[in-house]
Protein backbone atom coordinates (compact mmCIF):
# COMPACT_ATOMS: atom_id res chain seq x y z
CA MET A 1 0.00 0.00 0.00
CA ASP A 2 1.79 3.09 -1.29
CA LEU A 3 0.84 6.22 0.60
CA SER A 4 3.86 8.31 -0.37
CA ASN A 5 2.15 10.09 -3.25
CA LEU A 6 -0.74 11.24 -1.08
CA THR A 7 1.17 13.50 1.26
CA MET A 8 0.86 16.80 -0.60
CA ASN A 9 -2.20 16.09 -2.73
CA ASP A 10 -5.24 18.32 -2.43
CA THR A 11 -7.82 16.39 -0.47
CA PHE A 12 -10.69 18.15 -2.19
CA GLU A 13 -9.11 18.51 -5.61
CA SER A 14 -12.01 16.85 -7.43
CA LEU A 15 -14.66 18.38 -5.17
CA ASP A 16 -16.13 21.84 -4.91
CA GLN A 17 -15.20 22.95 -1.41
CA GLU A 18 -18.03 25.48 -1.43
CA GLU A 19 -20.61 22.82 -2.26
CA PRO A 20 -22.05 21.28 0.93
CA PHE A 21 -22.80 17.61 1.40
CA GLU A 22 -26.46 16.96 2.13
CA THR A 23 -26.95 14.24 4.70
CA GLU A 24 -29.75 11.74 4.51
CA ILE A 25 -31.45 9.52 7.05
CA ASP A 26 -32.24 5.94 6.10
CA PRO A 27 -33.73 3.12 8.21
CA PHE A 28 -30.42 1.27 8.44
CA SER A 29 -28.71 4.38 9.78
CA ILE A 30 -31.37 4.68 12.46
CA ILE A 31 -30.63 1.08 13.50
CA LYS A 32 -26.94 1.97 13.74
CA CYS A 33 -27.80 4.94 15.90
CA ILE A 34 -29.89 2.85 18.27
CA VAL A 35 -27.09 0.29 18.62
CA ALA A 36 -24.52 3.05 19.20
CA LEU A 37 -26.73 4.68 21.86
CA VAL A 38 -27.20 1.39 23.69
CA SER A 39 -23.44 0.78 23.46
CA ALA A 40 -22.80 4.25 24.89
CA PHE A 41 -25.10 3.47 27.80
CA SER A 42 -23.28 0.15 28.34
CA ASN A 43 -19.95 1.97 28.52
CA ILE A 44 -21.32 4.55 30.95
CA PHE A 45 -22.74 1.82 33.17
CA ILE A 46 -19.46 -0.16 33.29
CA ILE A 47 -17.50 3.02 34.11
CA PHE A 48 -20.03 3.90 36.83
CA ILE A 49 -19.83 0.46 38.48
CA ILE A 50 -16.02 0.49 38.50
CA ALA A 51 -15.88 4.06 39.87
CA ARG A 52 -18.48 3.43 42.56
CA TYR A 53 -17.04 0.29 44.17
CA SER A 54 -13.42 0.38 45.30
CA VAL A 55 -13.14 -3.41 45.27
CA LEU A 56 -13.46 -3.27 41.47
CA GLN A 57 -10.78 -0.61 41.04
CA THR A 58 -8.02 -2.98 39.97
CA ARG A 59 -5.31 -2.36 37.41
CA SER A 60 -7.15 -4.35 34.74
CA ASN A 61 -10.40 -2.56 35.43
CA PHE A 62 -8.57 0.78 35.22
CA TYR A 63 -7.57 -0.11 31.65
CA LEU A 64 -11.11 -1.35 31.03
CA ALA A 65 -12.63 1.90 32.27
CA ASN A 66 -10.39 3.98 30.00
CA TRP A 67 -11.23 1.69 27.11
CA CYS A 68 -14.91 2.32 27.85
CA ILE A 69 -14.29 6.09 27.97
CA SER A 70 -12.62 6.00 24.55
CA ASN A 71 -15.43 3.90 23.12
CA LEU A 72 -18.07 6.11 24.76
CA ILE A 73 -16.70 9.20 23.00
CA LEU A 74 -16.61 7.22 19.76
CA MET A 75 -20.23 6.14 20.09
CA LEU A 76 -21.32 9.71 20.80
CA LEU A 77 -19.44 10.95 17.73
CA VAL A 78 -20.95 8.48 15.29
CA PRO A 79 -21.72 10.75 12.31
CA ILE A 80 -25.27 9.52 11.91
CA PHE A 81 -26.16 11.11 15.27
CA VAL A 82 -25.93 14.48 13.54
CA ASN A 83 -28.70 13.46 11.14
CA LEU A 84 -30.87 11.65 13.65
CA PHE A 85 -31.12 14.53 16.09
CA GLY A 86 -31.39 17.19 13.41
CA ILE A 87 -28.39 19.24 14.53
CA THR A 88 -27.55 19.89 10.89
CA ASP A 89 -28.66 18.52 7.55
CA VAL A 90 -25.74 19.91 5.59
CA MET A 91 -22.01 19.27 6.04
CA SER A 92 -19.04 20.76 4.24
CA TYR A 93 -16.45 18.32 2.96
CA GLU A 94 -13.92 19.79 5.36
CA MET A 95 -16.23 19.04 8.28
CA MET A 96 -16.71 15.49 7.02
CA CYS A 97 -12.94 15.08 6.88
CA VAL A 98 -12.49 16.34 10.45
CA TRP A 99 -15.35 14.14 11.65
CA ASP A 100 -14.02 10.96 10.03
CA GLU A 101 -10.42 11.55 11.10
CA SER A 102 -11.51 12.05 14.72
CA LEU A 103 -13.47 8.80 14.63
CA TYR A 104 -10.51 6.80 13.32
CA ALA A 105 -8.26 8.31 15.99
CA LEU A 106 -10.67 7.03 18.66
CA PHE A 107 -10.76 3.64 16.96
CA PHE A 108 -6.98 3.62 17.30
CA GLY A 109 -7.32 4.35 21.02
CA ASN A 110 -9.76 1.46 21.42
CA PHE A 111 -7.31 -0.94 19.82
CA LEU A 112 -4.44 0.27 22.02
CA PHE A 113 -6.42 -0.14 25.24
CA ALA A 114 -7.56 -3.61 24.16
CA LEU A 115 -3.95 -4.57 23.43
CA ILE A 116 -2.66 -3.25 26.75
CA LEU A 117 -5.43 -4.97 28.68
CA LEU A 118 -4.71 -8.31 27.01
CA LEU A 119 -0.93 -8.05 27.46
CA ASP A 120 -1.37 -7.07 31.11
CA TRP A 121 -3.60 -10.13 31.62
CA TYR A 122 -1.14 -12.47 29.90
CA VAL A 123 1.85 -11.21 31.86
CA SER A 124 0.04 -11.50 35.19
CA ILE A 125 -1.30 -14.99 34.41
CA TYR A 126 1.60 -16.72 32.66
CA THR A 127 4.65 -15.04 34.15
CA LYS A 128 5.81 -14.43 37.67
CA GLN A 129 6.24 -10.72 37.06
CA ASN A 130 4.43 -8.72 39.71
CA CYS A 131 4.98 -4.98 39.78
CA THR A 132 2.37 -4.21 42.41
CA GLY A 133 4.99 -2.85 44.77
CA LYS A 134 7.66 -1.69 42.35
CA CYS A 135 5.54 0.14 39.80
CA LYS A 136 2.04 0.49 41.16
CA ASN A 137 1.48 3.68 39.14
CA LEU A 138 2.73 2.19 35.87
CA HIS A 139 -0.83 1.64 34.61
CA ILE A 140 -1.53 5.37 35.02
CA PHE A 141 1.60 6.27 33.05
CA ILE A 142 0.71 3.82 30.27
CA THR A 143 -2.83 5.16 30.08
CA VAL A 144 -1.60 8.76 29.82
CA ILE A 145 0.75 7.73 26.98
CA VAL A 146 -2.13 6.10 25.10
CA TRP A 147 -4.31 9.21 25.41
CA ILE A 148 -1.40 11.39 24.23
CA LEU A 149 -0.98 9.16 21.16
CA VAL A 150 -4.69 9.33 20.40
CA LEU A 151 -4.70 13.13 20.70
CA ALA A 152 -1.56 13.40 18.56
CA VAL A 153 -3.12 11.30 15.79
CA ALA A 154 -6.39 13.24 16.00
CA ILE A 155 -4.72 16.67 15.97
CA GLY A 156 -2.36 15.68 13.16
CA SER A 157 -5.20 14.31 11.05
CA VAL A 158 -7.44 17.32 11.64
CA SER A 159 -4.54 19.60 10.69
CA PHE A 160 -4.27 17.83 7.33
CA CYS A 161 -8.00 18.44 6.81
CA VAL A 162 -7.74 22.13 7.67
CA MET A 163 -4.76 22.58 5.32
CA SER A 164 -6.56 20.62 2.57
CA LEU A 165 -3.79 18.02 2.49
CA SER A 166 -4.42 14.35 1.98
CA TYR A 167 -2.58 11.88 4.15
CA PRO A 168 -4.55 9.10 5.89
CA LEU A 169 -2.81 9.37 9.26
CA SER A 170 -5.71 8.26 11.43
CA LEU A 171 -6.84 5.61 8.93
CA THR A 172 -3.30 4.23 8.79
CA SER A 173 -3.23 4.21 12.61
CA PHE A 174 -6.57 2.40 12.62
CA LEU A 175 -5.30 -0.32 10.27
CA LEU A 176 -1.98 -0.59 12.13
CA GLY A 177 -3.75 -0.80 15.49
CA TYR A 178 -6.01 -3.59 14.33
CA PHE A 179 -3.11 -5.43 12.68
CA LEU A 180 -1.22 -5.36 15.99
CA LEU A 181 -4.36 -6.54 17.77
CA PHE A 182 -4.68 -9.35 15.22
CA VAL A 183 -1.10 -10.50 15.76
CA ILE A 184 -1.25 -10.32 19.57
CA VAL A 185 -4.64 -12.05 19.90
CA VAL A 186 -3.65 -14.90 17.58
CA THR A 187 -0.22 -15.27 19.23
CA ILE A 188 -1.59 -15.36 22.78
CA ASN A 189 -4.31 -17.86 21.91
CA VAL A 190 -1.78 -20.11 20.16
CA LEU A 191 0.56 -19.91 23.17
CA ARG A 192 -2.36 -20.79 25.47
CA LEU A 193 -3.17 -23.87 23.41
CA VAL A 194 0.49 -24.95 23.44
CA LYS A 195 0.70 -24.58 27.22
CA ILE A 196 -2.60 -26.41 27.77
CA ILE A 197 -2.23 -29.22 25.22
CA ILE A 198 1.52 -29.87 25.19
CA PHE A 199 2.61 -28.78 28.65
CA LYS A 200 -0.64 -29.91 30.33
CA GLN A 201 -1.15 -26.66 32.19
CA HIS A 202 -4.54 -25.96 33.71
CA LEU A 203 -6.96 -23.45 32.27
CA GLU A 204 -6.80 -19.97 33.73
CA LYS A 205 -9.15 -19.29 36.61
CA ASN A 206 -10.03 -15.90 35.16
CA ARG A 207 -10.43 -15.58 31.41
CA LEU A 208 -12.63 -12.51 31.49
CA VAL A 209 -10.07 -10.20 29.87
CA LEU A 210 -9.32 -12.78 27.19
CA ILE A 211 -13.05 -13.00 26.40
CA PHE A 212 -13.31 -9.19 26.30
CA VAL A 213 -10.50 -8.69 23.83
CA THR A 214 -11.17 -11.76 21.69
CA SER A 215 -14.83 -10.78 21.28
CA PHE A 216 -13.75 -7.24 20.41
CA PHE A 217 -11.32 -8.67 17.87
CA PHE A 218 -14.01 -10.74 16.14
CA CYS A 219 -16.58 -7.92 16.23
CA TRP A 220 -14.25 -5.69 14.22
CA LEU A 221 -12.68 -8.40 12.04
CA PRO A 222 -15.19 -8.09 9.14
CA ASN A 223 -14.71 -4.32 9.07
CA TRP A 224 -10.93 -4.60 9.05
CA ILE A 225 -11.01 -7.22 6.28
CA SER A 226 -13.29 -5.09 4.11
CA MET A 227 -11.25 -1.93 4.68
CA TYR A 228 -7.92 -3.66 4.06
CA GLY A 229 -9.39 -5.31 0.96
CA GLN A 230 -10.47 -1.97 -0.46
CA ILE A 231 -7.26 -0.09 0.31
CA ALA A 232 -4.58 -2.73 -0.30
CA LEU A 233 -6.19 -5.20 -2.71
CA GLY A 234 -8.70 -3.06 -4.57
CA ILE A 235 -11.59 -5.34 -3.60
CA PHE A 236 -14.79 -3.36 -3.16
CA PHE A 237 -17.72 -4.46 -1.01
CA SER A 238 -21.31 -3.30 -1.07
CA ASP A 239 -22.27 -0.34 1.09
CA THR A 240 -24.76 -2.53 2.97
CA PHE A 241 -22.01 -4.96 3.92
CA ILE A 242 -19.72 -2.14 5.08
CA GLN A 243 -22.49 -0.68 7.22
CA CYS A 244 -23.18 -4.10 8.73
CA THR A 245 -19.52 -4.44 9.71
CA TYR A 246 -19.71 -1.14 11.58
CA LEU A 247 -22.98 -2.21 13.18
CA LEU A 248 -21.30 -5.37 14.49
CA GLY A 249 -18.34 -3.38 15.79
CA TYR A 250 -20.56 -0.83 17.53
CA SER A 251 -22.45 -3.61 19.31
CA HIS A 252 -19.38 -4.91 21.17
CA SER A 253 -19.98 -2.72 24.22
CA ILE A 254 -23.38 -4.35 24.62
CA PHE A 255 -21.69 -7.76 24.56
CA MET A 256 -19.13 -6.48 27.06
CA LEU A 257 -21.81 -5.50 29.58
CA LEU A 258 -23.44 -8.93 29.22
CA ILE A 259 -20.05 -10.62 29.65
CA VAL A 260 -19.20 -8.78 32.88
CA TYR A 261 -22.62 -9.59 34.31
CA PHE A 262 -22.80 -13.27 33.43
CA CYS A 263 -19.10 -14.16 33.63
CA ASP A 264 -17.81 -12.18 36.61
CA LYS A 265 -19.33 -12.83 40.04
CA SER A 266 -17.91 -9.65 41.53
CA PHE A 267 -19.34 -7.44 38.78
CA GLN A 268 -22.62 -9.33 38.94
CA PHE A 269 -22.90 -8.84 42.70
CA HIS A 270 -22.16 -5.11 42.54
CA ILE A 271 -24.51 -4.56 39.60
CA ARG A 272 -27.27 -6.24 41.61
CA LYS A 273 -26.30 -4.21 44.65
CA THR A 274 -26.57 -1.00 42.61
CA PHE A 275 -30.19 -1.78 41.85
CA GLY A 276 -30.93 -2.71 45.46
CA CYS A 277 -31.27 -6.41 44.80
CA ASP A 278 -30.58 -8.91 47.57
CA LYS A 279 -28.21 -11.53 46.25
CA GLU A 280 -29.73 -14.40 48.17
CA ARG A 281 -33.41 -13.48 47.70
CA THR A 282 -35.07 -11.37 45.04
CA CYS A 283 -32.38 -11.40 42.37
CA ASP A 284 -31.20 -15.00 42.60
CA THR A 285 -33.81 -16.86 40.57
CA ASN A 286 -31.40 -17.79 37.79
CA ASN A 287 -28.27 -17.99 39.94
CA GLN A 288 -27.58 -21.65 39.25
CA ASN A 289 -27.44 -21.22 35.50
CA LYS A 290 -25.26 -18.10 35.82
CA GLU A 291 -22.83 -19.90 38.12
CA GLN A 292 -22.49 -22.64 35.52
CA ILE A 293 -21.56 -20.02 32.95
CA THR A 294 -19.11 -18.40 35.38
CA GLY A 295 -17.61 -21.79 36.16
CA LEU A 296 -16.45 -22.06 32.57
CA LEU A 297 -13.92 -19.36 33.35
């Protein structure tokens, strides 16, 4: 994929910069909006539960909360929201460029937080490295670095839009971030199988993070394949298929909320506690089935 000849090209060379782009609302876009809104609520709820109960404020959950913050902003910036709520029906091409570049920068942040969360889980599970005492603030430093990278990509990309230059900085970061996620997820799962099958090691007691990141990986896999196919291989997919890939990706936060409730007893207990449910009485009708699901971890 040769991007060298794009650096100084006029982004809007073939377009009339004075001519606005009229947005349209279609039923499929409304479905995407609904999914994105529910995903935003799921992110808010997970962040709220982690912030409210100190027992849940672990290093992994700190990464998870920041991941949810990044995804929350992304869900609230989904372009179709502009049409659905009638804020504006007309967009300039420059505004579209700024909008899209900001979205891809947040996508990049999501991939980075997912990678860090998975690597942190793997190191804590399969190695004897424990930096609780030596570097207890390392997770804060790493998180700050990630947010700085996201802001740098966003600001750089928006600057290209303002100067009418064409260089897909945020899109390249998006593809690179997912490629790294692809490599790490596949590598870690292969290493797990080797340890379990060949070295006869027991399954991990807590696979929640692995389920989080692997499900995130598969939710965005169709989108990454379609985008890479278009950019690198010249394979074009229908607009309906592309929209469906985004719809699947947007829905991951909903899956994440379901996963933390059904697969993590601590989260489940504190979610019930938030709604004033007594664990042993009113909210325990399906406890046996949920414990069976949790036991798979």
